[in-house]
Amino acid sequence: MADIVVYSSMFCPYCSMAKRLLEGKGVEYEEVSVDWKSGTRKKMAERAHGRTTVPQIFIGDRHIGGFDDLYALDRKGELDPLLATRAG
């Protein structure tokens, strides 16, 4: 599994914004769609401590949360160091 995982849905604008932010940072991520495969949203919710909305973002073992959480980390200057410490 990739070091950065974004659980997303096809028509979710917040998913698109999260992916765009990560792409702007020049990092690769694994996108896991919750749209079609049975049980994917349930697995995501288990990893995300019960959160069922998308996106749900993970960097390594750390649950970041949704787009607002990712954006807040970036605004505080905490996202770049977190991305820099991830295994390559």
C-alpha atoms as a PDB file:
ATOM      1  CA  MET A   1       0.000   0.000   0.000  1.00  0.00           C
ATOM      2  CA  ALA A   2       1.209   3.490  -0.773  1.00  0.00           C
ATOM      3  CA  ASP A   3       2.671   5.735   1.848  1.00  0.00           C
ATOM      4  CA  ILE A   4      -0.063   8.348   1.232  1.00  0.00           C
ATOM      5  CA  VAL A   5      -3.618   7.089   0.789  1.00  0.00           C
ATOM      6  CA  VAL A   6      -6.610   9.183  -0.230  1.00  0.00           C
ATOM      7  CA  TYR A   7     -10.012   7.522   0.039  1.00  0.00           C
ATOM      8  CA  SER A   8     -12.254   9.351  -2.396  1.00  0.00           C
ATOM      9  CA  SER A   9     -15.450   9.403  -4.384  1.00  0.00           C
ATOM     10  CA  MET A  10     -15.822  10.269  -8.058  1.00  0.00           C
ATOM     11  CA  PHE A  11     -17.978  13.407  -7.744  1.00  0.00           C
ATOM     12  CA  CYS A  12     -16.549  14.798  -4.488  1.00  0.00           C
ATOM     13  CA  PRO A  13     -15.148  18.333  -4.890  1.00  0.00           C
ATOM     14  CA  TYR A  14     -13.247  18.077  -1.592  1.00  0.00           C
ATOM     15  CA  CYS A  15     -11.552  14.923  -2.855  1.00  0.00           C
ATOM     16  CA  SER A  16     -10.452  16.793  -5.964  1.00  0.00           C
ATOM     17  CA  MET A  17      -9.092  19.663  -3.881  1.00  0.00           C
ATOM     18  CA  ALA A  18      -7.162  17.286  -1.593  1.00  0.00           C
ATOM     19  CA  LYS A  19      -5.624  15.472  -4.547  1.00  0.00           C
ATOM     20  CA  ARG A  20      -4.742  18.782  -6.216  1.00  0.00           C
ATOM     21  CA  LEU A  21      -3.043  20.012  -3.030  1.00  0.00           C
ATOM     22  CA  LEU A  22      -0.960  16.834  -2.780  1.00  0.00           C
ATOM     23  CA  GLU A  23      -0.107  16.946  -6.480  1.00  0.00           C
ATOM     24  CA  GLY A  24       0.984  20.562  -6.022  1.00  0.00           C
ATOM     25  CA  LYS A  25       3.410  19.322  -3.378  1.00  0.00           C
ATOM     26  CA  GLY A  26       4.847  16.891  -5.921  1.00  0.00           C
ATOM     27  CA  VAL A  27       3.987  13.770  -3.943  1.00  0.00           C
ATOM     28  CA  GLU A  28       2.495  10.536  -5.181  1.00  0.00           C
ATOM     29  CA  TYR A  29      -0.468   8.956  -3.449  1.00  0.00           C
ATOM     30  CA  GLU A  30      -2.697   5.951  -3.755  1.00  0.00           C
ATOM     31  CA  GLU A  31      -6.310   6.825  -4.473  1.00  0.00           C
ATOM     32  CA  VAL A  32      -8.877   4.346  -3.163  1.00  0.00           C
ATOM     33  CA  SER A  33     -12.363   4.883  -4.553  1.00  0.00           C
ATOM     34  CA  VAL A  34     -15.239   4.081  -2.215  1.00  0.00           C
ATOM     35  CA  ASP A  35     -17.735   4.189  -5.094  1.00  0.00           C
ATOM     36  CA  TRP A  36     -17.797   0.695  -6.509  1.00  0.00           C
ATOM     37  CA  LYS A  37     -16.087  -1.976  -4.444  1.00  0.00           C
ATOM     38  CA  SER A  38     -18.252  -3.361  -1.658  1.00  0.00           C
ATOM     39  CA  GLY A  39     -16.784  -2.905   1.809  1.00  0.00           C
ATOM     40  CA  THR A  40     -14.301  -0.186   0.863  1.00  0.00           C
ATOM     41  CA  ARG A  41     -16.156   2.590   2.702  1.00  0.00           C
ATOM     42  CA  LYS A  42     -16.478   0.334   5.759  1.00  0.00           C
ATOM     43  CA  LYS A  43     -12.735  -0.362   5.730  1.00  0.00           C
ATOM     44  CA  MET A  44     -12.071   3.370   5.369  1.00  0.00           C
ATOM     45  CA  ALA A  45     -14.349   4.161   8.308  1.00  0.00           C
ATOM     46  CA  GLU A  46     -12.568   1.606  10.473  1.00  0.00           C
ATOM     47  CA  ARG A  47      -9.191   3.176   9.646  1.00  0.00           C
ATOM     48  CA  ALA A  48     -10.614   6.693  10.071  1.00  0.00           C
ATOM     49  CA  HIS A  49     -12.016   6.135  13.572  1.00  0.00           C
ATOM     50  CA  GLY A  50     -15.622   6.025  12.364  1.00  0.00           C
ATOM     51  CA  ARG A  51     -15.496   8.899   9.893  1.00  0.00           C
ATOM     52  CA  THR A  52     -17.498   7.987   6.795  1.00  0.00           C
ATOM     53  CA  THR A  53     -17.144  11.134   4.683  1.00  0.00           C
ATOM     54  CA  VAL A  54     -14.636  11.484   1.876  1.00  0.00           C
ATOM     55  CA  PRO A  55     -11.906  12.280   1.429  1.00  0.00           C
ATOM     56  CA  GLN A  56     -10.115  10.513   4.242  1.00  0.00           C
ATOM     57  CA  ILE A  57      -6.385  10.989   3.999  1.00  0.00           C
ATOM     58  CA  PHE A  58      -3.594   8.961   5.572  1.00  0.00           C
ATOM     59  CA  ILE A  59       0.111   9.731   5.534  1.00  0.00           C
ATOM     60  CA  GLY A  60       1.906   6.626   6.684  1.00  0.00           C
ATOM     61  CA  ASP A  61       0.029   5.372   9.731  1.00  0.00           C
ATOM     62  CA  ARG A  62      -1.228   8.862  10.598  1.00  0.00           C
ATOM     63  CA  HIS A  63      -4.870   9.663   9.912  1.00  0.00           C
ATOM     64  CA  ILE A  64      -4.954  13.239   8.660  1.00  0.00           C
ATOM     65  CA  GLY A  65      -8.720  13.468   8.187  1.00  0.00           C
ATOM     66  CA  GLY A  66     -10.485  15.238   5.353  1.00  0.00           C
ATOM     67  CA  PHE A  67      -9.565  18.094   3.046  1.00  0.00           C
ATOM     68  CA  ASP A  68     -10.113  20.754   5.713  1.00  0.00           C
ATOM     69  CA  ASP A  69      -7.695  18.932   8.013  1.00  0.00           C
ATOM     70  CA  LEU A  70      -5.103  18.572   5.243  1.00  0.00           C
ATOM     71  CA  TYR A  71      -5.457  22.242   4.304  1.00  0.00           C
ATOM     72  CA  ALA A  72      -5.153  23.329   7.945  1.00  0.00           C
ATOM     73  CA  LEU A  73      -1.897  21.376   8.275  1.00  0.00           C
ATOM     74  CA  ASP A  74      -0.598  23.097   5.162  1.00  0.00           C
ATOM     75  CA  ARG A  75      -1.610  26.551   6.409  1.00  0.00           C
ATOM     76  CA  LYS A  76       0.181  25.937   9.726  1.00  0.00           C
ATOM     77  CA  GLY A  77       3.323  24.874   7.876  1.00  0.00           C
ATOM     78  CA  GLU A  78       3.095  21.317   9.213  1.00  0.00           C
ATOM     79  CA  LEU A  79       2.289  19.448   6.000  1.00  0.00           C
ATOM     80  CA  ASP A  80       5.614  19.866   4.198  1.00  0.00           C
ATOM     81  CA  PRO A  81       7.679  18.496   7.120  1.00  0.00           C
ATOM     82  CA  LEU A  82       5.257  15.578   7.443  1.00  0.00           C
ATOM     83  CA  LEU A  83       5.578  14.811   3.743  1.00  0.00           C
ATOM     84  CA  ALA A  84       9.371  15.126   3.949  1.00  0.00           C
ATOM     85  CA  THR A  85       9.609  12.487   6.694  1.00  0.00           C
ATOM     86  CA  ARG A  86       7.536   9.865   4.907  1.00  0.00           C
ATOM     87  CA  ALA A  87       9.290   6.778   3.619  1.00  0.00           C
ATOM     88  CA  GLY A  88      10.199   7.116  -0.038  1.00  0.00           C
END
